[in-house]
């Protein structure tokens, strides 16, 4: 059974940092690109970052570039998203997703590209 469990979200103040984790099970993790997405109330799901199966490609949305860092630990079947300098506009439900990419070492920040989704973890940035 494929599972992606995202965790680490909580209420923080502007300028704070958080680390989100996405733990995978039920599939060959090393063969999958992983993406982080977020969805704020009333808005469409937005691609935040992705990391390819071999760390060959990493992408960030312009809105988070320089503040967020994605990494993966294939041994732990876990992808991390480090969120720094958080702002109120970063408030959203953050999801991780996976797609098998054995024919490429790239990744995509388009939600439509992903096959498996986690349940999301809530990040709230507010004073």
PDB file of N, CA and C in Angstrom:
ATOM      1  N   UNK A   1       0.839  -1.195   0.000  1.00  0.00           N
ATOM      2  CA  UNK A   1       0.000   0.000   0.000  1.00  0.00           C
ATOM      3  C   UNK A   1       0.880   1.253   0.000  1.00  0.00           C
ATOM      4  N   UNK A   2       0.680   2.092  -0.995  1.00  0.00           N
ATOM      5  CA  UNK A   2       1.465   3.319  -1.104  1.00  0.00           C
ATOM      6  C   UNK A   2       1.018   4.319  -0.044  1.00  0.00           C
ATOM      7  N   UNK A   3       1.993   4.865   0.666  1.00  0.00           N
ATOM      8  CA  UNK A   3       1.692   5.903   1.648  1.00  0.00           C
ATOM      9  C   UNK A   3       2.751   6.989   1.606  1.00  0.00           C
ATOM     10  N   UNK A   4       2.291   8.217   1.719  1.00  0.00           N
ATOM     11  CA  UNK A   4       3.159   9.366   1.891  1.00  0.00           C
ATOM     12  C   UNK A   4       2.617  10.132   3.091  1.00  0.00           C
ATOM     13  N   UNK A   5       3.416  10.228   4.125  1.00  0.00           N
ATOM     14  CA  UNK A   5       2.962  10.868   5.356  1.00  0.00           C
ATOM     15  C   UNK A   5       3.772  12.137   5.572  1.00  0.00           C
ATOM     16  N   UNK A   6       3.093  13.258   5.428  1.00  0.00           N
ATOM     17  CA  UNK A   6       3.736  14.547   5.638  1.00  0.00           C
ATOM     18  C   UNK A   6       3.527  15.006   7.076  1.00  0.00           C
ATOM     19  N   UNK A   7       4.539  15.623   7.648  1.00  0.00           N
ATOM     20  CA  UNK A   7       4.435  16.100   9.017  1.00  0.00           C
ATOM     21  C   UNK A   7       5.343  17.309   9.212  1.00  0.00           C
ATOM     22  N   UNK A   8       5.191  17.959  10.354  1.00  0.00           N
ATOM     23  CA  UNK A   8       6.059  19.079  10.706  1.00  0.00           C
ATOM     24  C   UNK A   8       5.391  20.440  10.649  1.00  0.00           C
ATOM     25  N   UNK A   9       4.206  20.504  10.099  1.00  0.00           N
ATOM     26  CA  UNK A   9       3.528  21.784  10.024  1.00  0.00           C
ATOM     27  C   UNK A   9       2.998  22.225  11.380  1.00  0.00           C
ATOM     28  N   UNK A  10       2.978  23.520  11.602  1.00  0.00           N
ATOM     29  CA  UNK A  10       2.455  24.081  12.851  1.00  0.00           C
ATOM     30  C   UNK A  10       2.298  25.578  12.719  1.00  0.00           C
ATOM     31  N   UNK A  11       1.866  26.218  13.760  1.00  0.00           N
ATOM     32  CA  UNK A  11       1.736  27.669  13.813  1.00  0.00           C
ATOM     33  C   UNK A  11       3.088  28.286  14.169  1.00  0.00           C
ATOM     34  N   UNK A  12       3.529  29.218  13.331  1.00  0.00           N
ATOM     35  CA  UNK A  12       4.780  29.912  13.577  1.00  0.00           C
ATOM     36  C   UNK A  12       4.579  31.402  13.311  1.00  0.00           C
ATOM     37  N   UNK A  13       5.556  32.183  13.721  1.00  0.00           N
ATOM     38  CA  UNK A  13       5.504  33.633  13.506  1.00  0.00           C
ATOM     39  C   UNK A  13       6.308  33.997  12.251  1.00  0.00           C
ATOM     40  N   UNK A  14       6.001  35.129  11.649  1.00  0.00           N
ATOM     41  CA  UNK A  14       6.795  35.577  10.499  1.00  0.00           C
ATOM     42  C   UNK A  14       8.285  35.607  10.823  1.00  0.00           C
ATOM     43  N   UNK A  15       9.078  35.111   9.888  1.00  0.00           N
ATOM     44  CA  UNK A  15      10.516  35.057  10.092  1.00  0.00           C
ATOM     45  C   UNK A  15      11.011  33.739  10.659  1.00  0.00           C
ATOM     46  N   UNK A  16      10.113  32.925  11.170  1.00  0.00           N
ATOM     47  CA  UNK A  16      10.489  31.637  11.750  1.00  0.00           C
ATOM     48  C   UNK A  16      10.830  30.620  10.674  1.00  0.00           C
ATOM     49  N   UNK A  17      11.332  29.468  11.137  1.00  0.00           N
ATOM     50  CA  UNK A  17      11.683  28.371  10.243  1.00  0.00           C
ATOM     51  C   UNK A  17      10.956  27.101  10.650  1.00  0.00           C
ATOM     52  N   UNK A  18      10.787  26.217   9.692  1.00  0.00           N
ATOM     53  CA  UNK A  18      10.167  24.915   9.919  1.00  0.00           C
ATOM     54  C   UNK A  18      10.837  23.897   9.021  1.00  0.00           C
ATOM     55  N   UNK A  19      10.796  22.640   9.439  1.00  0.00           N
ATOM     56  CA  UNK A  19      11.197  21.559   8.546  1.00  0.00           C
ATOM     57  C   UNK A  19      10.026  20.599   8.404  1.00  0.00           C
ATOM     58  N   UNK A  20       9.569  20.430   7.184  1.00  0.00           N
ATOM     59  CA  UNK A  20       8.535  19.450   6.890  1.00  0.00           C
ATOM     60  C   UNK A  20       9.201  18.148   6.447  1.00  0.00           C
ATOM     61  N   UNK A  21       8.583  17.037   6.822  1.00  0.00           N
ATOM     62  CA  UNK A  21       9.074  15.716   6.425  1.00  0.00           C
ATOM     63  C   UNK A  21       7.986  14.981   5.667  1.00  0.00           C
ATOM     64  N   UNK A  22       8.408  14.171   4.734  1.00  0.00           N
ATOM     65  CA  UNK A  22       7.499  13.319   3.972  1.00  0.00           C
ATOM     66  C   UNK A  22       8.098  11.923   3.970  1.00  0.00           C
ATOM     67  N   UNK A  23       7.461  11.019   4.689  1.00  0.00           N
ATOM     68  CA  UNK A  23       7.949   9.645   4.794  1.00  0.00           C
ATOM     69  C   UNK A  23       7.130   8.760   3.865  1.00  0.00           C
ATOM     70  N   UNK A  24       7.841   8.000   3.023  1.00  0.00           N
ATOM     71  CA  UNK A  24       7.187   7.176   2.015  1.00  0.00           C
ATOM     72  C   UNK A  24       7.261   5.699   2.376  1.00  0.00           C
ATOM     73  N   UNK A  25       6.278   4.961   1.908  1.00  0.00           N
ATOM     74  CA  UNK A  25       6.287   3.515   2.058  1.00  0.00           C
ATOM     75  C   UNK A  25       5.412   2.903   0.981  1.00  0.00           C
ATOM     76  N   UNK A  26       5.665   1.612   0.696  1.00  0.00           N
ATOM     77  CA  UNK A  26       4.820   0.903  -0.248  1.00  0.00           C
ATOM     78  C   UNK A  26       5.229   1.015  -1.699  1.00  0.00           C
ATOM     79  N   UNK A  27       6.359   1.657  -1.977  1.00  0.00           N
ATOM     80  CA  UNK A  27       6.856   1.737  -3.347  1.00  0.00           C
ATOM     81  C   UNK A  27       8.369   1.924  -3.312  1.00  0.00           C
ATOM     82  N   UNK A  28       9.014   1.773  -4.472  1.00  0.00           N
ATOM     83  CA  UNK A  28      10.469   1.872  -4.562  1.00  0.00           C
ATOM     84  C   UNK A  28      10.854   3.345  -4.564  1.00  0.00           C
ATOM     85  N   UNK A  29      11.142   3.845  -3.407  1.00  0.00           N
ATOM     86  CA  UNK A  29      11.324   5.282  -3.199  1.00  0.00           C
ATOM     87  C   UNK A  29      12.392   5.865  -4.119  1.00  0.00           C
ATOM     88  N   UNK A  30      13.511   5.142  -4.278  1.00  0.00           N
ATOM     89  CA  UNK A  30      14.637   5.691  -5.038  1.00  0.00           C
ATOM     90  C   UNK A  30      14.321   5.883  -6.520  1.00  0.00           C
ATOM     91  N   UNK A  31      13.257   5.274  -7.010  1.00  0.00           N
ATOM     92  CA  UNK A  31      12.861   5.404  -8.414  1.00  0.00           C
ATOM     93  C   UNK A  31      11.854   6.532  -8.640  1.00  0.00           C
ATOM     94  N   UNK A  32      11.561   7.289  -7.600  1.00  0.00           N
ATOM     95  CA  UNK A  32      10.500   8.287  -7.679  1.00  0.00           C
ATOM     96  C   UNK A  32      11.008   9.705  -7.428  1.00  0.00           C
ATOM     97  N   UNK A  33      10.552  10.606  -8.257  1.00  0.00           N
ATOM     98  CA  UNK A  33      10.716  12.025  -7.955  1.00  0.00           C
ATOM     99  C   UNK A  33       9.665  12.423  -6.921  1.00  0.00           C
ATOM    100  N   UNK A  34      10.016  13.372  -6.079  1.00  0.00           N
ATOM    101  CA  UNK A  34       9.118  13.827  -5.025  1.00  0.00           C
ATOM    102  C   UNK A  34       8.886  15.327  -5.160  1.00  0.00           C
ATOM    103  N   UNK A  35       7.650  15.722  -5.035  1.00  0.00           N
ATOM    104  CA  UNK A  35       7.314  17.138  -5.079  1.00  0.00           C
ATOM    105  C   UNK A  35       6.622  17.590  -3.815  1.00  0.00           C
ATOM    106  N   UNK A  36       6.809  18.857  -3.483  1.00  0.00           N
ATOM    107  CA  UNK A  36       6.060  19.494  -2.405  1.00  0.00           C
ATOM    108  C   UNK A  36       5.123  20.516  -3.033  1.00  0.00           C
ATOM    109  N   UNK A  37       3.899  20.520  -2.571  1.00  0.00           N
ATOM    110  CA  UNK A  37       2.878  21.426  -3.071  1.00  0.00           C
ATOM    111  C   UNK A  37       2.189  22.075  -1.883  1.00  0.00           C
ATOM    112  N   UNK A  38       1.510  23.157  -2.141  1.00  0.00           N
ATOM    113  CA  UNK A  38       0.735  23.781  -1.076  1.00  0.00           C
ATOM    114  C   UNK A  38      -0.556  24.342  -1.637  1.00  0.00           C
ATOM    115  N   UNK A  39      -1.539  24.418  -0.758  1.00  0.00           N
ATOM    116  CA  UNK A  39      -2.828  24.969  -1.165  1.00  0.00           C
ATOM    117  C   UNK A  39      -3.378  25.815  -0.033  1.00  0.00           C
ATOM    118  N   UNK A  40      -3.553  27.069  -0.329  1.00  0.00           N
ATOM    119  CA  UNK A  40      -4.149  27.994   0.630  1.00  0.00           C
ATOM    120  C   UNK A  40      -5.652  28.051   0.389  1.00  0.00           C
ATOM    121  N   UNK A  41      -6.417  28.419   1.395  1.00  0.00           N
ATOM    122  CA  UNK A  41      -7.880  28.481   1.228  1.00  0.00           C
ATOM    123  C   UNK A  41      -8.281  29.366   0.054  1.00  0.00           C
ATOM    124  N   UNK A  42      -9.121  28.836  -0.803  1.00  0.00           N
ATOM    125  CA  UNK A  42      -9.610  29.605  -1.939  1.00  0.00           C
ATOM    126  C   UNK A  42      -8.650  29.704  -3.103  1.00  0.00           C
ATOM    127  N   UNK A  43      -7.500  29.023  -3.002  1.00  0.00           N
ATOM    128  CA  UNK A  43      -6.505  29.096  -4.079  1.00  0.00           C
ATOM    129  C   UNK A  43      -6.244  27.708  -4.653  1.00  0.00           C
ATOM    130  N   UNK A  44      -5.670  27.690  -5.852  1.00  0.00           N
ATOM    131  CA  UNK A  44      -5.310  26.431  -6.468  1.00  0.00           C
ATOM    132  C   UNK A  44      -4.053  25.854  -5.822  1.00  0.00           C
ATOM    133  N   UNK A  45      -3.911  24.544  -5.971  1.00  0.00           N
ATOM    134  CA  UNK A  45      -2.705  23.889  -5.472  1.00  0.00           C
ATOM    135  C   UNK A  45      -1.510  24.388  -6.263  1.00  0.00           C
ATOM    136  N   UNK A  46      -0.446  24.726  -5.547  1.00  0.00           N
ATOM    137  CA  UNK A  46       0.740  25.336  -6.139  1.00  0.00           C
ATOM    138  C   UNK A  46       1.945  24.433  -5.929  1.00  0.00           C
ATOM    139  N   UNK A  47       2.725  24.227  -6.968  1.00  0.00           N
ATOM    140  CA  UNK A  47       3.975  23.493  -6.836  1.00  0.00           C
ATOM    141  C   UNK A  47       5.013  24.349  -6.146  1.00  0.00           C
ATOM    142  N   UNK A  48       5.578  23.844  -5.065  1.00  0.00           N
ATOM    143  CA  UNK A  48       6.558  24.597  -4.281  1.00  0.00           C
ATOM    144  C   UNK A  48       7.983  24.200  -4.658  1.00  0.00           C
ATOM    145  N   UNK A  49       8.220  22.890  -4.712  1.00  0.00           N
ATOM    146  CA  UNK A  49       9.557  22.404  -4.987  1.00  0.00           C
ATOM    147  C   UNK A  49       9.483  20.944  -5.399  1.00  0.00           C
ATOM    148  N   UNK A  50      10.510  20.477  -6.084  1.00  0.00           N
ATOM    149  CA  UNK A  50      10.594  19.057  -6.391  1.00  0.00           C
ATOM    150  C   UNK A  50      12.056  18.640  -6.423  1.00  0.00           C
ATOM    151  N   UNK A  51      12.259  17.344  -6.247  1.00  0.00           N
ATOM    152  CA  UNK A  51      13.600  16.786  -6.281  1.00  0.00           C
ATOM    153  C   UNK A  51      13.537  15.488  -7.062  1.00  0.00           C
ATOM    154  N   UNK A  52      14.441  15.319  -7.994  1.00  0.00           N
ATOM    155  CA  UNK A  52      14.428  14.121  -8.833  1.00  0.00           C
ATOM    156  C   UNK A  52      14.940  12.923  -8.054  1.00  0.00           C
ATOM    157  N   UNK A  53      14.828  11.766  -8.673  1.00  0.00           N
ATOM    158  CA  UNK A  53      15.156  10.527  -7.966  1.00  0.00           C
ATOM    159  C   UNK A  53      16.637  10.417  -7.640  1.00  0.00           C
ATOM    160  N   UNK A  54      17.485  11.097  -8.390  1.00  0.00           N
ATOM    161  CA  UNK A  54      18.918  11.010  -8.137  1.00  0.00           C
ATOM    162  C   UNK A  54      19.509  12.347  -7.696  1.00  0.00           C
ATOM    163  N   UNK A  55      18.663  13.230  -7.186  1.00  0.00           N
ATOM    164  CA  UNK A  55      19.105  14.577  -6.794  1.00  0.00           C
ATOM    165  C   UNK A  55      19.676  15.347  -7.970  1.00  0.00           C
ATOM    166  N   UNK A  56      19.447  14.861  -9.204  1.00  0.00           N
ATOM    167  CA  UNK A  56      19.998  15.563 -10.350  1.00  0.00           C
ATOM    168  C   UNK A  56      19.309  16.870 -10.635  1.00  0.00           C
ATOM    169  N   UNK A  57      18.035  16.934 -10.351  1.00  0.00           N
ATOM    170  CA  UNK A  57      17.258  18.144 -10.588  1.00  0.00           C
ATOM    171  C   UNK A  57      16.531  18.557  -9.326  1.00  0.00           C
ATOM    172  N   UNK A  58      16.611  19.812  -9.035  1.00  0.00           N
ATOM    173  CA  UNK A  58      15.840  20.402  -7.942  1.00  0.00           C
ATOM    174  C   UNK A  58      15.242  21.696  -8.470  1.00  0.00           C
ATOM    175  N   UNK A  59      13.955  21.897  -8.249  1.00  0.00           N
ATOM    176  CA  UNK A  59      13.288  23.117  -8.686  1.00  0.00           C
ATOM    177  C   UNK A  59      12.561  23.757  -7.514  1.00  0.00           C
ATOM    178  N   UNK A  60      12.472  25.062  -7.581  1.00  0.00           N
ATOM    179  CA  UNK A  60      11.724  25.829  -6.597  1.00  0.00           C
ATOM    180  C   UNK A  60      10.819  26.825  -7.313  1.00  0.00           C
ATOM    181  N   UNK A  61       9.651  27.028  -6.748  1.00  0.00           N
ATOM    182  CA  UNK A  61       8.805  28.111  -7.235  1.00  0.00           C
ATOM    183  C   UNK A  61       9.494  29.441  -6.927  1.00  0.00           C
ATOM    184  N   UNK A  62       9.276  30.424  -7.773  1.00  0.00           N
ATOM    185  CA  UNK A  62       9.905  31.728  -7.556  1.00  0.00           C
ATOM    186  C   UNK A  62       9.557  32.312  -6.192  1.00  0.00           C
ATOM    187  N   UNK A  63       8.363  32.009  -5.719  1.00  0.00           N
ATOM    188  CA  UNK A  63       7.892  32.579  -4.462  1.00  0.00           C
ATOM    189  C   UNK A  63       8.652  32.048  -3.246  1.00  0.00           C
ATOM    190  N   UNK A  64       9.361  30.918  -3.408  1.00  0.00           N
ATOM    191  CA  UNK A  64      10.069  30.340  -2.264  1.00  0.00           C
ATOM    192  C   UNK A  64      11.568  30.231  -2.492  1.00  0.00           C
ATOM    193  N   UNK A  65      12.011  30.567  -3.700  1.00  0.00           N
ATOM    194  CA  UNK A  65      13.424  30.429  -4.037  1.00  0.00           C
ATOM    195  C   UNK A  65      14.275  31.263  -3.080  1.00  0.00           C
ATOM    196  N   UNK A  66      15.313  30.642  -2.543  1.00  0.00           N
ATOM    197  CA  UNK A  66      16.186  31.322  -1.597  1.00  0.00           C
ATOM    198  C   UNK A  66      15.735  31.197  -0.149  1.00  0.00           C
ATOM    199  N   UNK A  67      14.509  30.720   0.054  1.00  0.00           N
ATOM    200  CA  UNK A  67      13.994  30.559   1.428  1.00  0.00           C
ATOM    201  C   UNK A  67      13.744  29.100   1.790  1.00  0.00           C
ATOM    202  N   UNK A  68      13.340  28.296   0.817  1.00  0.00           N
ATOM    203  CA  UNK A  68      13.025  26.892   1.056  1.00  0.00           C
ATOM    204  C   UNK A  68      14.130  26.021   0.456  1.00  0.00           C
ATOM    205  N   UNK A  69      14.375  24.875   1.115  1.00  0.00           N
ATOM    206  CA  UNK A  69      15.365  23.924   0.624  1.00  0.00           C
ATOM    207  C   UNK A  69      14.792  22.517   0.700  1.00  0.00           C
ATOM    208  N   UNK A  70      14.853  21.809  -0.418  1.00  0.00           N
ATOM    209  CA  UNK A  70      14.372  20.435  -0.462  1.00  0.00           C
ATOM    210  C   UNK A  70      15.562  19.485  -0.448  1.00  0.00           C
ATOM    211  N   UNK A  71      15.387  18.345   0.214  1.00  0.00           N
ATOM    212  CA  UNK A  71      16.432  17.329   0.228  1.00  0.00           C
ATOM    213  C   UNK A  71      15.762  15.965   0.411  1.00  0.00           C
ATOM    214  N   UNK A  72      16.511  14.927   0.097  1.00  0.00           N
ATOM    215  CA  UNK A  72      15.958  13.592   0.274  1.00  0.00           C
ATOM    216  C   UNK A  72      17.010  12.660   0.862  1.00  0.00           C
ATOM    217  N   UNK A  73      16.518  11.674   1.618  1.00  0.00           N
ATOM    218  CA  UNK A  73      17.351  10.624   2.189  1.00  0.00           C
ATOM    219  C   UNK A  73      16.734   9.307   1.730  1.00  0.00           C
ATOM    220  N   UNK A  74      17.317   8.725   0.695  1.00  0.00           N
ATOM    221  CA  UNK A  74      16.740   7.504   0.130  1.00  0.00           C
ATOM    222  C   UNK A  74      16.775   6.341   1.119  1.00  0.00           C
ATOM    223  N   UNK A  75      17.778   6.314   1.988  1.00  0.00           N
ATOM    224  CA  UNK A  75      17.870   5.237   2.978  1.00  0.00           C
ATOM    225  C   UNK A  75      16.696   5.303   3.960  1.00  0.00           C
ATOM    226  N   UNK A  76      16.261   6.514   4.272  1.00  0.00           N
ATOM    227  CA  UNK A  76      15.142   6.690   5.202  1.00  0.00           C
ATOM    228  C   UNK A  76      13.811   6.848   4.471  1.00  0.00           C
ATOM    229  N   UNK A  77      13.856   6.834   3.125  1.00  0.00           N
ATOM    230  CA  UNK A  77      12.643   7.014   2.317  1.00  0.00           C
ATOM    231  C   UNK A  77      11.906   8.289   2.741  1.00  0.00           C
ATOM    232  N   UNK A  78      12.665   9.342   2.887  1.00  0.00           N
ATOM    233  CA  UNK A  78      12.123  10.588   3.404  1.00  0.00           C
ATOM    234  C   UNK A  78      12.613  11.773   2.579  1.00  0.00           C
ATOM    235  N   UNK A  79      11.713  12.706   2.334  1.00  0.00           N
ATOM    236  CA  UNK A  79      12.062  13.972   1.716  1.00  0.00           C
ATOM    237  C   UNK A  79      11.752  15.080   2.704  1.00  0.00           C
ATOM    238  N   UNK A  80      12.648  16.046   2.772  1.00  0.00           N
ATOM    239  CA  UNK A  80      12.494  17.158   3.706  1.00  0.00           C
ATOM    240  C   UNK A  80      12.294  18.455   2.929  1.00  0.00           C
ATOM    241  N   UNK A  81      11.568  19.352   3.533  1.00  0.00           N
ATOM    242  CA  UNK A  81      11.454  20.706   2.999  1.00  0.00           C
ATOM    243  C   UNK A  81      11.743  21.661   4.149  1.00  0.00           C
ATOM    244  N   UNK A  82      12.879  22.326   4.050  1.00  0.00           N
ATOM    245  CA  UNK A  82      13.258  23.313   5.054  1.00  0.00           C
ATOM    246  C   UNK A  82      12.662  24.650   4.645  1.00  0.00           C
ATOM    247  N   UNK A  83      11.878  25.250   5.520  1.00  0.00           N
ATOM    248  CA  UNK A  83      11.214  26.513   5.237  1.00  0.00           C
ATOM    249  C   UNK A  83      11.808  27.587   6.139  1.00  0.00           C
ATOM    250  N   UNK A  84      12.460  28.558   5.548  1.00  0.00           N
ATOM    251  CA  UNK A  84      13.053  29.656   6.304  1.00  0.00           C
ATOM    252  C   UNK A  84      12.363  30.969   5.960  1.00  0.00           C
ATOM    253  N   UNK A  85      12.544  31.933   6.842  1.00  0.00           N
ATOM    254  CA  UNK A  85      11.988  33.275   6.624  1.00  0.00           C
ATOM    255  C   UNK A  85      10.517  33.211   6.237  1.00  0.00           C
ATOM    256  N   UNK A  86       9.761  32.455   6.993  1.00  0.00           N
ATOM    257  CA  UNK A  86       8.356  32.251   6.665  1.00  0.00           C
ATOM    258  C   UNK A  86       7.564  33.554   6.756  1.00  0.00           C
ATOM    259  N   UNK A  87       6.633  33.691   5.841  1.00  0.00           N
ATOM    260  CA  UNK A  87       5.784  34.868   5.756  1.00  0.00           C
ATOM    261  C   UNK A  87       4.314  34.433   5.789  1.00  0.00           C
ATOM    262  N   UNK A  88       3.421  35.347   6.149  1.00  0.00           N
ATOM    263  CA  UNK A  88       2.002  34.974   6.205  1.00  0.00           C
ATOM    264  C   UNK A  88       1.495  34.359   4.894  1.00  0.00           C
ATOM    265  N   UNK A  89       2.034  34.781   3.780  1.00  0.00           N
ATOM    266  CA  UNK A  89       1.580  34.228   2.494  1.00  0.00           C
ATOM    267  C   UNK A  89       2.037  32.787   2.274  1.00  0.00           C
ATOM    268  N   UNK A  90       2.876  32.267   3.159  1.00  0.00           N
ATOM    269  CA  UNK A  90       3.271  30.861   3.094  1.00  0.00           C
ATOM    270  C   UNK A  90       2.257  29.959   3.803  1.00  0.00           C
ATOM    271  N   UNK A  91       1.281  30.559   4.445  1.00  0.00           N
ATOM    272  CA  UNK A  91       0.245  29.776   5.122  1.00  0.00           C
ATOM    273  C   UNK A  91      -0.524  28.924   4.126  1.00  0.00           C
ATOM    274  N   UNK A  92      -0.547  27.631   4.366  1.00  0.00           N
ATOM    275  CA  UNK A  92      -1.213  26.706   3.447  1.00  0.00           C
ATOM    276  C   UNK A  92      -1.136  25.295   3.997  1.00  0.00           C
ATOM    277  N   UNK A  93      -1.889  24.422   3.370  1.00  0.00           N
ATOM    278  CA  UNK A  93      -1.748  22.992   3.614  1.00  0.00           C
ATOM    279  C   UNK A  93      -0.685  22.482   2.643  1.00  0.00           C
ATOM    280  N   UNK A  94       0.365  21.899   3.194  1.00  0.00           N
ATOM    281  CA  UNK A  94       1.486  21.445   2.384  1.00  0.00           C
ATOM    282  C   UNK A  94       1.383  19.940   2.157  1.00  0.00           C
ATOM    283  N   UNK A  95       1.500  19.545   0.897  1.00  0.00           N
ATOM    284  CA  UNK A  95       1.408  18.151   0.505  1.00  0.00           C
ATOM    285  C   UNK A  95       2.717  17.697  -0.125  1.00  0.00           C
ATOM    286  N   UNK A  96       3.029  16.406   0.052  1.00  0.00           N
ATOM    287  CA  UNK A  96       4.089  15.821  -0.748  1.00  0.00           C
ATOM    288  C   UNK A  96       3.461  14.813  -1.704  1.00  0.00           C
ATOM    289  N   UNK A  97       4.134  14.594  -2.806  1.00  0.00           N
ATOM    290  CA  UNK A  97       3.627  13.701  -3.829  1.00  0.00           C
ATOM    291  C   UNK A  97       4.797  12.995  -4.502  1.00  0.00           C
ATOM    292  N   UNK A  98       4.504  11.856  -5.121  1.00  0.00           N
ATOM    293  CA  UNK A  98       5.559  11.051  -5.733  1.00  0.00           C
ATOM    294  C   UNK A  98       5.133  10.575  -7.109  1.00  0.00           C
ATOM    295  N   UNK A  99       6.120  10.425  -7.976  1.00  0.00           N
ATOM    296  CA  UNK A  99       5.875   9.856  -9.299  1.00  0.00           C
ATOM    297  C   UNK A  99       7.109   9.063  -9.713  1.00  0.00           C
ATOM    298  N   UNK A 100       6.865   7.894 -10.305  1.00  0.00           N
ATOM    299  CA  UNK A 100       7.973   7.051 -10.759  1.00  0.00           C
ATOM    300  C   UNK A 100       8.591   7.654 -12.001  1.00  0.00           C
ATOM    301  N   UNK A 101       9.923   7.786 -12.002  1.00  0.00           N
ATOM    302  CA  UNK A 101      10.597   8.478 -13.108  1.00  0.00           C
ATOM    303  C   UNK A 101      11.863   7.746 -13.517  1.00  0.00           C
ATOM    304  N   UNK A 102      11.759   6.461 -13.808  1.00  0.00           N
ATOM    305  CA  UNK A 102      12.983   5.714 -14.095  1.00  0.00           C
ATOM    306  C   UNK A 102      13.597   6.094 -15.438  1.00  0.00           C
ATOM    307  N   UNK A 103      12.844   6.759 -16.320  1.00  0.00           N
ATOM    308  CA  UNK A 103      13.370   7.122 -17.637  1.00  0.00           C
ATOM    309  C   UNK A 103      13.941   8.532 -17.665  1.00  0.00           C
ATOM    310  N   UNK A 104      13.889   9.232 -16.543  1.00  0.00           N
ATOM    311  CA  UNK A 104      14.395  10.597 -16.506  1.00  0.00           C
ATOM    312  C   UNK A 104      14.938  10.908 -15.127  1.00  0.00           C
ATOM    313  N   UNK A 105      15.835  11.860 -15.070  1.00  0.00           N
ATOM    314  CA  UNK A 105      16.341  12.312 -13.764  1.00  0.00           C
ATOM    315  C   UNK A 105      15.865  13.730 -13.479  1.00  0.00           C
ATOM    316  N   UNK A 106      14.774  14.119 -14.122  1.00  0.00           N
ATOM    317  CA  UNK A 106      14.221  15.437 -13.854  1.00  0.00           C
ATOM    318  C   UNK A 106      13.005  15.308 -12.951  1.00  0.00           C
ATOM    319  N   UNK A 107      12.432  16.443 -12.584  1.00  0.00           N
ATOM    320  CA  UNK A 107      11.206  16.449 -11.797  1.00  0.00           C
ATOM    321  C   UNK A 107      10.340  17.614 -12.238  1.00  0.00           C
ATOM    322  N   UNK A 108       9.104  17.597 -11.805  1.00  0.00           N
ATOM    323  CA  UNK A 108       8.138  18.605 -12.221  1.00  0.00           C
ATOM    324  C   UNK A 108       7.448  19.199 -11.005  1.00  0.00           C
ATOM    325  N   UNK A 109       7.056  20.449 -11.096  1.00  0.00           N
ATOM    326  CA  UNK A 109       6.253  21.070 -10.043  1.00  0.00           C
ATOM    327  C   UNK A 109       4.788  21.196 -10.460  1.00  0.00           C
ATOM    328  N   UNK A 110       4.410  20.446 -11.473  1.00  0.00           N
ATOM    329  CA  UNK A 110       3.005  20.411 -11.885  1.00  0.00           C
ATOM    330  C   UNK A 110       2.271  19.308 -11.139  1.00  0.00           C
ATOM    331  N   UNK A 111       1.211  19.632 -10.424  1.00  0.00           N
ATOM    332  CA  UNK A 111       0.473  18.600  -9.681  1.00  0.00           C
ATOM    333  C   UNK A 111       0.015  17.455 -10.579  1.00  0.00           C
ATOM    334  N   UNK A 112      -0.296  17.749 -11.820  1.00  0.00           N
ATOM    335  CA  UNK A 112      -0.808  16.718 -12.724  1.00  0.00           C
ATOM    336  C   UNK A 112       0.219  15.642 -13.035  1.00  0.00           C
ATOM    337  N   UNK A 113       1.487  15.921 -12.739  1.00  0.00           N
ATOM    338  CA  UNK A 113       2.549  14.960 -13.046  1.00  0.00           C
ATOM    339  C   UNK A 113       2.682  13.860 -12.010  1.00  0.00           C
ATOM    340  N   UNK A 114       2.012  13.993 -10.886  1.00  0.00           N
ATOM    341  CA  UNK A 114       2.244  13.103  -9.754  1.00  0.00           C
ATOM    342  C   UNK A 114       1.140  12.082  -9.571  1.00  0.00           C
ATOM    343  N   UNK A 115       1.564  10.861  -9.185  1.00  0.00           N
ATOM    344  CA  UNK A 115       0.630   9.744  -9.066  1.00  0.00           C
ATOM    345  C   UNK A 115       0.163   9.506  -7.634  1.00  0.00           C
ATOM    346  N   UNK A 116       1.043   9.741  -6.675  1.00  0.00           N
ATOM    347  CA  UNK A 116       0.734   9.431  -5.283  1.00  0.00           C
ATOM    348  C   UNK A 116       0.805  10.702  -4.458  1.00  0.00           C
ATOM    349  N   UNK A 117      -0.144  10.844  -3.538  1.00  0.00           N
ATOM    350  CA  UNK A 117      -0.237  12.047  -2.719  1.00  0.00           C
ATOM    351  C   UNK A 117      -0.366  11.695  -1.256  1.00  0.00           C
ATOM    352  N   UNK A 118       0.245  12.520  -0.416  1.00  0.00           N
ATOM    353  CA  UNK A 118       0.077  12.409   1.020  1.00  0.00           C
ATOM    354  C   UNK A 118      -1.121  13.232   1.477  1.00  0.00           C
ATOM    355  N   UNK A 119      -1.348  13.235   2.784  1.00  0.00           N
ATOM    356  CA  UNK A 119      -2.554  13.847   3.333  1.00  0.00           C
ATOM    357  C   UNK A 119      -2.394  15.338   3.649  1.00  0.00           C
ATOM    358  N   UNK A 120      -1.178  15.826   3.654  1.00  0.00           N
ATOM    359  CA  UNK A 120      -0.958  17.239   3.916  1.00  0.00           C
ATOM    360  C   UNK A 120      -0.649  17.550   5.368  1.00  0.00           C
ATOM    361  N   UNK A 121       0.107  18.608   5.574  1.00  0.00           N
ATOM    362  CA  UNK A 121       0.418  19.107   6.912  1.00  0.00           C
ATOM    363  C   UNK A 121       0.245  20.623   6.888  1.00  0.00           C
ATOM    364  N   UNK A 122      -0.430  21.161   7.907  1.00  0.00           N
ATOM    365  CA  UNK A 122      -0.827  22.563   7.898  1.00  0.00           C
ATOM    366  C   UNK A 122       0.283  23.455   8.441  1.00  0.00           C
ATOM    367  N   UNK A 123       0.605  24.473   7.671  1.00  0.00           N
ATOM    368  CA  UNK A 123       1.536  25.508   8.107  1.00  0.00           C
ATOM    369  C   UNK A 123       0.765  26.824   8.208  1.00  0.00           C
ATOM    370  N   UNK A 124       0.839  27.445   9.366  1.00  0.00           N
ATOM    371  CA  UNK A 124       0.193  28.741   9.579  1.00  0.00           C
ATOM    372  C   UNK A 124       1.256  29.720  10.051  1.00  0.00           C
ATOM    373  N   UNK A 125       1.380  30.819   9.338  1.00  0.00           N
ATOM    374  CA  UNK A 125       2.352  31.844   9.685  1.00  0.00           C
ATOM    375  C   UNK A 125       1.574  33.091  10.103  1.00  0.00           C
ATOM    376  N   UNK A 126       1.646  33.404  11.376  1.00  0.00           N
ATOM    377  CA  UNK A 126       0.846  34.517  11.900  1.00  0.00           C
ATOM    378  C   UNK A 126       1.439  34.987  13.211  1.00  0.00           C
ATOM    379  N   UNK A 127       1.212  36.281  13.509  1.00  0.00           N
ATOM    380  CA  UNK A 127       1.663  36.801  14.797  1.00  0.00           C
ATOM    381  C   UNK A 127       0.632  36.450  15.870  1.00  0.00           C
TER     382      UNK A 127
END
